Amino acid sequence: MEEDVKYLRIGTAIYKVVTRPCIDGECQKTLLPWRYSTLCQDEGKDYAATIPKYDGFCTVPSHTHYNREINNFYNRYEPVNHDPAPGPFPHIEGLIQHIFEEQYELGLDYLQLLYLKPIQKLPILLLVSEERNTGKTTFLNFLKAVFQHNVTFNTNEDFHSKFNSDWAGKLLVMVDEVLLNRREDTERLKNLSTALSYKMEAKGKDRQEVEFFAKFVLCSNNESFPIIIDREETRFWVRKVHPLSREDPDYLNHLKSEIPAFLSHLQRRRYSTERSSRMWFSAADLHTAALDRIVRASRNRAESDLAELLVEMITVLDVEKLTFCKRDLIQILRYHDIKMDEGQLRRILNDSWKLPHEGNAHSYTFYQVDQGSPTGYREHKGVGRFYTASLDSLKPFC
């Protein structure tokens, strides 16, 4: 935006170019809707004919080859005002090493993709820790300093609201204390993370379909259940973050001063991975113990109880595997006061656990509850289309 431009006409609307002061001492240029009559009062009737004119708005992200005007459309995406220059960046390197640890190179790939390939879909990054002074919020503020006005902070309530125009055209949507344990909130977040477009809606305006390229970065003090993540879900990258070794009140200022050197490094660095999925990284690349913990906590309680019961039976009976039909399990579940109907049980065995299942009726061995037996169970023979479960197939669900 040229320094001497005071007004713009975009479509049929007039906007005034204003410089809004920010709390950090910097200023942000923005556009305010302006009445034509006020423009004439301030500048004269003939002034309107001299202001720059655009056919409309567009949003085309770029950090290395930025253009404000594209085919006579005004680009809403904001330029990143850093001049990359070679140099050291020890504080930034230390922060990335602290956040990503053994996945340090993947973390650099993630940041490099944000900078050089802003429209590339990336996984939802979730940083969790029950401890304090871990640097999670500092990392969010660092991303804000790098990508500046193309980053927005949301709250949990923003994901419930139908009004989402403030997300339009943002590179990063970040939440510092996320708690989205309603399935509809999680599904909305997952869908947005892979969406190519979405319906933007502002108060008093019609909904409008726009291109969507935002990435989500979430933080939480809840390590077990900040969000619902189903088994085999590939759209989340969960990192447990440990406390910083020492506290530096000027840490963020040190990070900001090193941004030009860091961006220069990202321009020259080679990726450690190749694109292997729609979100660049493979599920194996992003797998962590922190992800497994949330997946376990996200399961239905009855499903966990069933898995634990079957593992206990295998251990007590000292067998390698169990064979059973649904009717056998229903009786055992009733005895142990685990409420589950046959339809729910079928969905768990077939859809969630994907246990081997005989297509035709065959003879098999199963166990019934018997308080008089040393193990608490007695062996029976039956005929049916039975399932087979082993310790290896059950432990992931306990």
Protein backbone atom coordinates (compact mmCIF):
# COMPACT_ATOMS: atom_id res chain seq x y z
CA MET A 1 0.00 0.00 0.00
CA GLU A 2 1.59 3.25 -1.11
CA GLU A 3 2.36 5.74 1.64
CA ASP A 4 0.56 8.64 -0.10
CA VAL A 5 -2.66 6.74 -0.85
CA LYS A 6 -5.42 7.98 1.44
CA TYR A 7 -8.51 6.42 -0.13
CA LEU A 8 -9.39 3.46 -2.37
CA ARG A 9 -12.44 2.51 -4.35
CA ILE A 10 -12.97 -1.24 -4.40
CA GLY A 11 -15.95 -2.27 -6.48
CA THR A 12 -18.48 0.45 -5.76
CA ALA A 13 -17.41 1.05 -2.13
CA ILE A 14 -15.05 3.74 -0.81
CA TYR A 15 -12.42 2.85 1.83
CA LYS A 16 -10.08 5.10 3.80
CA VAL A 17 -6.54 3.89 4.39
CA VAL A 18 -5.80 4.34 8.10
CA THR A 19 -2.85 3.48 10.34
CA ARG A 20 -4.08 1.78 13.48
CA PRO A 21 -1.71 1.76 16.49
CA CYS A 22 -1.13 -1.63 18.12
CA ILE A 23 -0.42 -2.43 21.74
CA ASP A 24 3.15 -3.53 20.95
CA GLY A 25 4.01 -0.07 19.67
CA GLU A 26 3.79 -0.99 16.00
CA CYS A 27 1.12 0.17 13.56
CA GLN A 28 -1.10 -1.71 11.12
CA LYS A 29 -2.48 -0.22 7.94
CA THR A 30 -6.11 -1.18 7.42
CA LEU A 31 -9.14 -0.18 5.38
CA LEU A 32 -12.23 1.44 6.87
CA PRO A 33 -15.49 1.79 4.92
CA TRP A 34 -15.98 5.47 4.15
CA ARG A 35 -19.01 7.39 2.96
CA TYR A 36 -18.80 9.14 -0.39
CA SER A 37 -20.43 12.24 1.09
CA THR A 38 -17.81 12.40 3.85
CA LEU A 39 -15.03 12.02 1.28
CA CYS A 40 -16.44 14.97 -0.69
CA GLN A 41 -16.73 17.07 2.48
CA ASP A 42 -13.12 16.35 3.45
CA GLU A 43 -11.40 16.40 0.07
CA GLY A 44 -13.77 18.10 -2.38
CA LYS A 45 -16.17 16.77 -5.01
CA ASP A 46 -13.51 16.25 -7.67
CA TYR A 47 -11.19 14.21 -5.44
CA ALA A 48 -13.11 10.93 -5.86
CA ALA A 49 -12.10 10.72 -9.51
CA THR A 50 -8.41 10.62 -8.56
CA ILE A 51 -8.37 7.73 -6.08
CA PRO A 52 -7.13 4.24 -7.12
CA LYS A 53 -9.87 1.90 -8.29
CA TYR A 54 -10.07 -1.90 -8.01
CA ASP A 55 -12.68 -4.33 -9.32
CA GLY A 56 -12.87 -6.17 -5.98
CA PHE A 57 -11.00 -8.04 -3.26
CA CYS A 58 -8.91 -11.20 -3.56
CA THR A 59 -6.75 -13.17 -1.13
CA VAL A 60 -3.51 -14.52 -2.59
CA PRO A 61 -0.92 -15.43 0.06
CA SER A 62 2.80 -15.04 -0.59
CA HIS A 63 5.76 -14.16 1.61
CA THR A 64 8.52 -14.07 -1.00
CA HIS A 65 6.80 -12.68 -4.14
CA TYR A 66 4.05 -10.52 -2.72
CA ASN A 67 1.74 -8.35 -4.86
CA ARG A 68 -0.88 -5.98 -3.48
CA GLU A 69 -2.66 -5.67 -6.85
CA ILE A 70 -3.48 -8.78 -8.90
CA ASN A 71 -5.43 -8.42 -12.15
CA ASN A 72 -6.92 -5.17 -10.84
CA PHE A 73 -8.07 -6.87 -7.62
CA TYR A 74 -6.94 -5.66 -4.20
CA ASN A 75 -5.08 -8.41 -2.28
CA ARG A 76 -6.33 -8.66 1.31
CA TYR A 77 -3.40 -10.83 2.35
CA GLU A 78 -0.86 -8.71 4.20
CA PRO A 79 2.85 -8.54 3.31
CA VAL A 80 5.37 -9.86 5.84
CA ASN A 81 7.67 -6.92 6.54
CA HIS A 82 10.90 -8.80 7.25
CA ASP A 83 14.02 -8.51 5.12
CA PRO A 84 15.74 -11.93 5.22
CA ALA A 85 19.48 -11.65 5.86
CA PRO A 86 22.03 -14.40 6.64
CA GLY A 87 23.02 -14.64 10.28
CA PRO A 88 22.76 -16.70 13.48
CA PHE A 89 19.45 -17.36 15.23
CA PRO A 90 20.35 -19.27 18.44
CA HIS A 91 17.21 -18.29 20.38
CA ILE A 92 14.84 -19.35 17.59
CA GLU A 93 16.77 -22.57 17.07
CA GLY A 94 16.57 -23.27 20.80
CA LEU A 95 12.81 -22.64 20.88
CA ILE A 96 12.13 -24.94 17.93
CA GLN A 97 14.36 -27.62 19.48
CA HIS A 98 12.47 -27.25 22.77
CA ILE A 99 9.01 -27.53 21.16
CA PHE A 100 9.71 -30.36 18.71
CA GLU A 101 12.64 -32.21 20.39
CA GLU A 102 13.25 -35.46 18.44
CA GLN A 103 11.02 -34.11 15.64
CA TYR A 104 13.14 -30.97 15.25
CA GLU A 105 13.66 -31.40 11.50
CA LEU A 106 9.92 -31.94 11.02
CA GLY A 107 9.30 -28.75 12.97
CA LEU A 108 11.62 -26.86 10.64
CA ASP A 109 9.81 -28.39 7.65
CA TYR A 110 6.49 -27.20 9.11
CA LEU A 111 7.73 -23.62 9.52
CA GLN A 112 9.42 -23.68 6.12
CA LEU A 113 6.18 -24.79 4.46
CA LEU A 114 4.28 -22.01 6.22
CA TYR A 115 6.75 -19.47 4.85
CA LEU A 116 7.41 -20.79 1.33
CA LYS A 117 4.20 -22.73 0.55
CA PRO A 118 1.42 -20.88 2.40
CA ILE A 119 -1.42 -22.66 0.57
CA GLN A 120 -0.10 -26.16 1.40
CA LYS A 121 -2.44 -27.98 3.81
CA LEU A 122 -0.71 -28.84 7.09
CA PRO A 123 -1.70 -30.90 10.15
CA ILE A 124 -3.40 -29.34 13.16
CA LEU A 125 -0.53 -28.69 15.57
CA LEU A 126 -1.53 -29.26 19.21
CA LEU A 127 0.91 -28.44 22.03
CA VAL A 128 -0.01 -29.89 25.41
CA SER A 129 1.47 -29.74 28.90
CA GLU A 130 0.08 -29.71 32.44
CA GLU A 131 3.21 -27.91 33.62
CA ARG A 132 3.85 -24.18 33.58
CA ASN A 133 6.54 -22.08 31.87
CA THR A 134 6.82 -24.47 28.94
CA GLY A 135 7.09 -21.90 26.14
CA LYS A 136 3.80 -22.84 24.41
CA THR A 137 2.46 -19.28 24.44
CA THR A 138 5.88 -17.93 23.51
CA PHE A 139 5.83 -20.15 20.43
CA LEU A 140 2.44 -18.75 19.43
CA ASN A 141 3.71 -15.20 19.90
CA PHE A 142 6.77 -16.06 17.83
CA LEU A 143 4.56 -17.25 14.95
CA LYS A 144 2.57 -14.02 15.27
CA ALA A 145 5.80 -12.01 15.06
CA VAL A 146 6.93 -13.91 11.94
CA PHE A 147 3.68 -13.80 9.97
CA GLN A 148 2.37 -10.61 11.55
CA HIS A 149 -1.16 -9.56 10.51
CA ASN A 150 -1.81 -12.87 8.75
CA VAL A 151 -2.24 -14.55 12.15
CA THR A 152 -5.31 -14.40 14.38
CA PHE A 153 -5.98 -15.66 17.91
CA ASN A 154 -9.31 -17.41 18.48
CA THR A 155 -11.12 -18.59 21.59
CA ASN A 156 -13.05 -21.81 22.07
CA GLU A 157 -16.29 -19.86 21.65
CA ASP A 158 -15.23 -18.71 18.18
CA PHE A 159 -15.53 -22.30 16.93
CA HIS A 160 -19.15 -22.36 18.11
CA SER A 161 -20.10 -19.12 16.37
CA LYS A 162 -21.47 -19.02 12.83
CA PHE A 163 -19.76 -15.68 12.24
CA ASN A 164 -16.27 -16.32 10.92
CA SER A 165 -15.34 -13.36 8.71
CA ASP A 166 -12.37 -12.51 10.98
CA TRP A 167 -10.71 -15.80 9.89
CA ALA A 168 -10.96 -14.89 6.20
CA GLY A 169 -7.58 -14.74 4.53
CA LYS A 170 -5.53 -15.70 7.59
CA LEU A 171 -2.55 -18.03 7.39
CA LEU A 172 -2.73 -19.19 11.01
CA VAL A 173 -5.63 -19.52 13.44
CA MET A 174 -4.28 -20.07 16.97
CA VAL A 175 -5.96 -20.90 20.30
CA ASP A 176 -3.95 -20.60 23.51
CA GLU A 177 -6.21 -22.63 25.82
CA VAL A 178 -8.20 -24.99 23.64
CA LEU A 179 -10.97 -27.19 25.05
CA LEU A 180 -13.16 -28.62 22.30
CA ASN A 181 -14.52 -31.85 23.75
CA ARG A 182 -17.78 -31.72 21.80
CA ARG A 183 -17.61 -33.92 18.74
CA GLU A 184 -19.29 -31.35 16.48
CA ASP A 185 -16.56 -28.80 17.34
CA THR A 186 -13.80 -31.29 16.57
CA GLU A 187 -15.44 -32.32 13.30
CA ARG A 188 -15.70 -28.70 12.22
CA LEU A 189 -12.04 -28.12 13.00
CA LYS A 190 -10.97 -31.24 11.10
CA ASN A 191 -13.06 -30.32 8.09
CA LEU A 192 -11.64 -26.80 8.00
CA SER A 193 -8.08 -28.13 8.17
CA THR A 194 -8.53 -29.87 4.80
CA ALA A 195 -11.13 -27.59 3.20
CA LEU A 196 -10.30 -25.76 -0.03
CA SER A 197 -13.13 -23.28 0.55
CA TYR A 198 -15.65 -22.37 3.22
CA LYS A 199 -18.67 -20.16 3.77
CA MET A 200 -17.63 -16.82 5.23
CA GLU A 201 -20.35 -15.07 7.20
CA ALA A 202 -20.35 -11.66 8.87
CA LYS A 203 -23.10 -9.98 10.86
CA GLY A 204 -25.63 -8.32 8.60
CA LYS A 205 -24.09 -9.70 5.40
CA ASP A 206 -24.86 -12.61 3.11
CA ARG A 207 -22.73 -15.72 3.32
CA GLN A 208 -19.96 -15.86 0.76
CA GLU A 209 -17.83 -18.80 -0.36
CA VAL A 210 -14.12 -18.00 -0.15
CA GLU A 211 -10.88 -19.95 -0.56
CA PHE A 212 -9.53 -21.30 2.73
CA PHE A 213 -5.89 -22.02 3.47
CA ALA A 214 -5.61 -21.39 7.22
CA LYS A 215 -3.65 -23.72 9.48
CA PHE A 216 -4.53 -24.33 13.14
CA VAL A 217 -2.11 -24.19 16.08
CA LEU A 218 -3.63 -25.10 19.45
CA CYS A 219 -2.29 -25.15 23.01
CA SER A 220 -3.76 -26.78 26.10
CA ASN A 221 -2.92 -27.53 29.74
CA ASN A 222 -5.04 -30.69 29.46
CA GLU A 223 -2.81 -33.53 28.26
CA SER A 224 -5.54 -36.19 28.29
CA PHE A 225 -8.64 -34.75 26.68
CA PRO A 226 -8.37 -31.25 25.20
CA ILE A 227 -10.07 -32.38 22.00
CA ILE A 228 -11.62 -35.54 20.58
CA ILE A 229 -9.19 -37.48 18.37
CA ASP A 230 -10.35 -40.79 16.95
CA ARG A 231 -8.12 -43.75 16.25
CA GLU A 232 -6.42 -43.63 12.83
CA GLU A 233 -7.02 -39.87 12.63
CA THR A 234 -4.20 -38.34 10.56
CA ARG A 235 -4.95 -34.63 10.83
CA PHE A 236 -3.38 -33.96 14.24
CA TRP A 237 0.22 -33.47 15.33
CA VAL A 238 0.36 -33.57 19.13
CA ARG A 239 3.50 -32.52 20.99
CA LYS A 240 3.98 -32.68 24.78
CA VAL A 241 6.08 -29.68 25.78
CA HIS A 242 8.33 -29.71 28.85
CA PRO A 243 9.23 -26.71 31.05
CA LEU A 244 11.96 -24.34 29.94
CA SER A 245 15.27 -24.67 31.75
CA ARG A 246 15.27 -20.97 32.66
CA GLU A 247 13.04 -17.92 32.34
CA ASP A 248 14.14 -14.90 30.31
CA PRO A 249 11.81 -11.83 30.38
CA ASP A 250 13.34 -10.59 27.10
CA TYR A 251 13.07 -13.95 25.33
CA LEU A 252 10.43 -12.82 22.82
CA ASN A 253 12.46 -9.72 21.92
CA HIS A 254 15.49 -11.94 21.25
CA LEU A 255 13.33 -14.12 19.00
CA LYS A 256 12.01 -11.15 17.06
CA SER A 257 15.50 -9.79 16.43
CA GLU A 258 16.54 -13.11 14.84
CA ILE A 259 13.57 -13.45 12.45
CA PRO A 260 15.38 -12.05 9.36
CA ALA A 261 18.22 -14.55 9.81
CA PHE A 262 15.77 -17.40 10.39
CA LEU A 263 13.75 -16.58 7.25
CA SER A 264 16.97 -16.44 5.25
CA HIS A 265 17.78 -19.93 6.52
CA LEU A 266 14.32 -21.20 5.51
CA GLN A 267 14.81 -19.86 1.99
CA ARG A 268 18.06 -21.81 1.60
CA ARG A 269 17.26 -24.96 3.60
CA ARG A 270 16.30 -28.28 1.96
CA TYR A 271 13.21 -30.08 3.31
CA SER A 272 13.91 -33.18 5.36
CA THR A 273 10.68 -34.78 4.09
CA GLU A 274 8.80 -35.08 0.82
CA ARG A 275 5.09 -34.56 0.32
CA SER A 276 3.47 -37.91 1.14
CA SER A 277 -0.13 -36.89 1.97
CA ARG A 278 -2.58 -34.05 1.51
CA MET A 279 -1.08 -32.54 4.67
CA TRP A 280 2.49 -33.11 3.43
CA PHE A 281 3.58 -35.34 6.34
CA SER A 282 2.74 -39.02 6.75
CA ALA A 283 0.93 -40.35 9.80
CA ALA A 284 4.11 -42.23 10.81
CA ASP A 285 6.08 -38.96 10.73
CA LEU A 286 3.70 -37.27 13.18
CA HIS A 287 3.00 -40.13 15.57
CA THR A 288 3.75 -39.35 19.25
CA ALA A 289 2.93 -40.79 22.65
CA ALA A 290 1.01 -37.59 23.41
CA LEU A 291 -1.30 -38.33 20.47
CA ASP A 292 -1.92 -41.89 21.74
CA ARG A 293 -2.89 -40.55 25.15
CA ILE A 294 -5.59 -38.28 23.72
CA VAL A 295 -6.85 -41.03 21.41
CA ARG A 296 -7.28 -43.36 24.41
CA ALA A 297 -9.12 -40.67 26.38
CA SER A 298 -11.39 -39.95 23.40
CA ARG A 299 -12.78 -43.47 23.26
CA ASN A 300 -16.19 -44.42 24.51
CA ARG A 301 -15.97 -45.59 28.13
CA ALA A 302 -17.82 -48.82 27.37
CA GLU A 303 -15.32 -49.62 24.60
CA SER A 304 -12.38 -49.20 26.98
CA ASP A 305 -14.12 -51.35 29.61
CA LEU A 306 -14.73 -54.09 27.03
CA ALA A 307 -11.09 -54.09 25.89
CA GLU A 308 -9.82 -54.23 29.48
CA LEU A 309 -12.19 -57.09 30.28
CA LEU A 310 -11.03 -59.18 27.31
CA VAL A 311 -7.35 -58.51 28.10
CA GLU A 312 -8.00 -59.62 31.69
CA MET A 313 -9.68 -62.82 30.45
CA ILE A 314 -6.74 -63.67 28.18
CA THR A 315 -4.32 -63.10 31.08
CA VAL A 316 -6.34 -65.08 33.66
CA LEU A 317 -7.06 -67.96 31.30
CA ASP A 318 -3.44 -67.97 30.06
CA VAL A 319 -4.45 -68.32 26.41
CA GLU A 320 -3.02 -66.70 23.29
CA LYS A 321 -6.38 -65.61 21.93
CA LEU A 322 -10.12 -65.57 22.58
CA THR A 323 -12.84 -66.65 20.17
CA PHE A 324 -16.41 -65.52 20.72
CA CYS A 325 -19.68 -64.48 19.13
CA LYS A 326 -21.56 -61.31 20.05
CA ARG A 327 -24.08 -63.25 22.16
CA ASP A 328 -21.23 -64.69 24.26
CA LEU A 329 -19.88 -61.24 25.05
CA ILE A 330 -23.31 -59.80 25.83
CA GLN A 331 -23.72 -62.33 28.66
CA ILE A 332 -20.27 -61.61 30.10
CA LEU A 333 -20.81 -57.83 29.85
CA ARG A 334 -24.11 -58.11 31.71
CA TYR A 335 -22.43 -60.04 34.49
CA HIS A 336 -19.79 -57.32 34.87
CA ASP A 337 -22.48 -54.59 34.68
CA ILE A 338 -21.12 -53.07 31.45
CA LYS A 339 -24.06 -51.64 29.54
CA MET A 340 -23.83 -52.24 25.80
CA ASP A 341 -26.41 -53.35 23.25
CA GLU A 342 -25.70 -55.67 20.34
CA GLY A 343 -25.60 -52.85 17.78
CA GLN A 344 -23.00 -50.90 19.75
CA LEU A 345 -20.96 -54.07 20.26
CA ARG A 346 -21.05 -54.84 16.52
CA ARG A 347 -19.79 -51.32 15.66
CA ILE A 348 -16.88 -51.69 18.09
CA LEU A 349 -15.84 -55.15 16.90
CA ASN A 350 -16.28 -54.46 13.18
CA ASP A 351 -15.67 -50.74 12.65
CA SER A 352 -13.38 -49.66 15.47
CA TRP A 353 -11.34 -52.76 16.27
CA LYS A 354 -11.69 -54.49 12.88
CA LEU A 355 -11.27 -57.93 14.48
CA PRO A 356 -10.97 -61.02 12.26
CA HIS A 357 -14.47 -62.43 11.72
CA GLU A 358 -15.47 -65.78 10.29
CA GLY A 359 -17.82 -65.40 7.32
CA ASN A 360 -19.46 -68.80 7.84
CA ALA A 361 -20.47 -70.75 10.93
CA HIS A 362 -17.69 -72.92 12.37
CA SER A 363 -17.05 -74.62 15.69
CA TYR A 364 -15.13 -72.57 18.23
CA THR A 365 -14.24 -72.48 21.91
CA PHE A 366 -15.54 -69.73 24.19
CA TYR A 367 -15.80 -69.08 27.93
CA GLN A 368 -18.70 -68.41 30.27
CA VAL A 369 -18.66 -66.96 33.77
CA ASP A 370 -18.37 -69.68 36.45
CA GLN A 371 -17.72 -68.54 40.02
CA GLY A 372 -16.88 -72.10 41.01
CA SER A 373 -13.96 -72.29 38.61
CA PRO A 374 -10.44 -71.27 39.77
CA THR A 375 -10.23 -68.81 36.87
CA GLY A 376 -13.84 -67.61 37.17
CA TYR A 377 -14.66 -68.99 33.71
CA ARG A 378 -15.44 -72.39 32.20
CA GLU A 379 -14.82 -73.57 28.68
CA HIS A 380 -17.66 -74.19 26.21
CA LYS A 381 -17.90 -75.33 22.61
CA GLY A 382 -20.17 -73.64 20.11
CA VAL A 383 -20.87 -73.10 16.41
CA GLY A 384 -21.17 -69.66 14.85
CA ARG A 385 -19.51 -66.84 12.95
CA PHE A 386 -17.03 -65.94 15.63
CA TYR A 387 -14.47 -63.18 16.23
CA THR A 388 -10.84 -63.69 17.26
CA ALA A 389 -9.03 -61.34 19.67
CA SER A 390 -5.44 -61.43 20.95
CA LEU A 391 -3.45 -59.26 23.36
CA ASP A 392 -1.76 -57.47 20.46
CA SER A 393 -5.09 -56.62 18.84
CA LEU A 394 -6.67 -55.40 22.11
CA LYS A 395 -3.93 -53.43 23.88
CA PRO A 396 -4.20 -50.36 21.59
CA PHE A 397 -7.79 -49.93 22.83
CA CYS A 398 -7.20 -50.23 26.58
